[in-house]
Amino acid sequence: MAQSSNNRIVVPEARDAMNKFKMEAANEVGVNLQNGYNGHLTSREAGSVGGQMVKKMIQSYESGLKS
């Protein structure tokens, strides 16, 4: 059974920015992320990339509140 993804970018123009953001987060946590399919990643590695992205988004939001 093939899996389908429910992860859809609401604003198509944001796709490149999100991919760049994901690559930056992966570099920060030392995960070798490639363009396209990354099935070689462990759950821990993939989770650390997502966690880093969320951490950066929260920091950005919080700094916006202080301004």
C-alpha atoms as a PDB file:
ATOM      1  CA  MET A   1       0.000   0.000   0.000  1.00  0.00           C
ATOM      2  CA  ALA A   2       1.474   3.345  -1.058  1.00  0.00           C
ATOM      3  CA  GLN A   3       1.544   6.170   1.429  1.00  0.00           C
ATOM      4  CA  SER A   4       0.253   9.566   0.497  1.00  0.00           C
ATOM      5  CA  SER A   5       1.403  12.729   2.159  1.00  0.00           C
ATOM      6  CA  ASN A   6      -0.981  15.182   3.740  1.00  0.00           C
ATOM      7  CA  ASN A   7       1.742  17.803   3.946  1.00  0.00           C
ATOM      8  CA  ARG A   8       0.630  20.446   1.519  1.00  0.00           C
ATOM      9  CA  ILE A   9       2.064  23.913   1.268  1.00  0.00           C
ATOM     10  CA  VAL A  10      -0.865  26.319   1.337  1.00  0.00           C
ATOM     11  CA  VAL A  11       1.047  29.041  -0.517  1.00  0.00           C
ATOM     12  CA  PRO A  12       2.811  27.371  -3.472  1.00  0.00           C
ATOM     13  CA  GLU A  13       5.258  30.257  -3.763  1.00  0.00           C
ATOM     14  CA  ALA A  14       6.586  29.338  -0.307  1.00  0.00           C
ATOM     15  CA  ARG A  15       7.849  25.896  -1.407  1.00  0.00           C
ATOM     16  CA  ASP A  16      11.415  27.041  -2.169  1.00  0.00           C
ATOM     17  CA  ALA A  17      11.665  29.010   1.065  1.00  0.00           C
ATOM     18  CA  MET A  18      10.450  26.016   3.093  1.00  0.00           C
ATOM     19  CA  ASN A  19      12.949  23.707   1.392  1.00  0.00           C
ATOM     20  CA  LYS A  20      15.763  26.161   2.136  1.00  0.00           C
ATOM     21  CA  PHE A  21      14.590  26.449   5.749  1.00  0.00           C
ATOM     22  CA  LYS A  22      14.544  22.645   6.070  1.00  0.00           C
ATOM     23  CA  MET A  23      18.072  22.337   4.654  1.00  0.00           C
ATOM     24  CA  GLU A  24      19.363  25.024   7.051  1.00  0.00           C
ATOM     25  CA  ALA A  25      17.780  23.226  10.019  1.00  0.00           C
ATOM     26  CA  ALA A  26      19.296  19.912   8.893  1.00  0.00           C
ATOM     27  CA  ASN A  27      22.755  21.482   8.646  1.00  0.00           C
ATOM     28  CA  GLU A  28      22.395  22.970  12.124  1.00  0.00           C
ATOM     29  CA  VAL A  29      21.700  19.570  13.685  1.00  0.00           C
ATOM     30  CA  GLY A  30      24.246  17.722  11.516  1.00  0.00           C
ATOM     31  CA  VAL A  31      21.847  15.670   9.390  1.00  0.00           C
ATOM     32  CA  ASN A  32      22.825  14.914   5.785  1.00  0.00           C
ATOM     33  CA  LEU A  33      19.595  15.932   4.069  1.00  0.00           C
ATOM     34  CA  GLN A  34      19.349  15.649   0.293  1.00  0.00           C
ATOM     35  CA  ASN A  35      16.912  17.117  -2.214  1.00  0.00           C
ATOM     36  CA  GLY A  36      14.115  14.691  -2.937  1.00  0.00           C
ATOM     37  CA  TYR A  37      13.499  11.436  -1.097  1.00  0.00           C
ATOM     38  CA  ASN A  38      15.383  10.949   2.181  1.00  0.00           C
ATOM     39  CA  GLY A  39      14.351   7.407   3.090  1.00  0.00           C
ATOM     40  CA  HIS A  40      17.844   6.701   4.397  1.00  0.00           C
ATOM     41  CA  LEU A  41      17.270   8.926   7.444  1.00  0.00           C
ATOM     42  CA  THR A  42      16.516   7.365  10.797  1.00  0.00           C
ATOM     43  CA  SER A  43      13.444   8.489  12.713  1.00  0.00           C
ATOM     44  CA  ARG A  44      15.739  10.250  15.171  1.00  0.00           C
ATOM     45  CA  GLU A  45      17.458  12.213  12.375  1.00  0.00           C
ATOM     46  CA  ALA A  46      14.202  13.199  10.684  1.00  0.00           C
ATOM     47  CA  GLY A  47      12.706  14.176  14.038  1.00  0.00           C
ATOM     48  CA  SER A  48      15.699  16.316  14.923  1.00  0.00           C
ATOM     49  CA  VAL A  49      15.290  18.272  11.676  1.00  0.00           C
ATOM     50  CA  GLY A  50      11.584  18.844  12.321  1.00  0.00           C
ATOM     51  CA  GLY A  51      12.261  19.743  15.942  1.00  0.00           C
ATOM     52  CA  GLN A  52      14.903  22.269  14.926  1.00  0.00           C
ATOM     53  CA  MET A  53      12.476  23.832  12.445  1.00  0.00           C
ATOM     54  CA  VAL A  54       9.797  24.174  15.134  1.00  0.00           C
ATOM     55  CA  LYS A  55      12.331  25.600  17.597  1.00  0.00           C
ATOM     56  CA  LYS A  56      13.393  28.257  15.072  1.00  0.00           C
ATOM     57  CA  MET A  57       9.768  29.125  14.227  1.00  0.00           C
ATOM     58  CA  ILE A  58       8.938  29.579  17.923  1.00  0.00           C
ATOM     59  CA  GLN A  59      12.021  31.757  18.445  1.00  0.00           C
ATOM     60  CA  SER A  60      11.038  33.868  15.450  1.00  0.00           C
ATOM     61  CA  TYR A  61       7.490  34.266  16.742  1.00  0.00           C
ATOM     62  CA  GLU A  62       8.652  35.166  20.242  1.00  0.00           C
ATOM     63  CA  SER A  63      11.088  37.763  18.958  1.00  0.00           C
ATOM     64  CA  GLY A  64       8.240  39.273  16.933  1.00  0.00           C
ATOM     65  CA  LEU A  65       6.169  39.615  20.099  1.00  0.00           C
ATOM     66  CA  LYS A  66       8.934  41.560  21.820  1.00  0.00           C
ATOM     67  CA  SER A  67       9.233  44.064  18.986  1.00  0.00           C
END
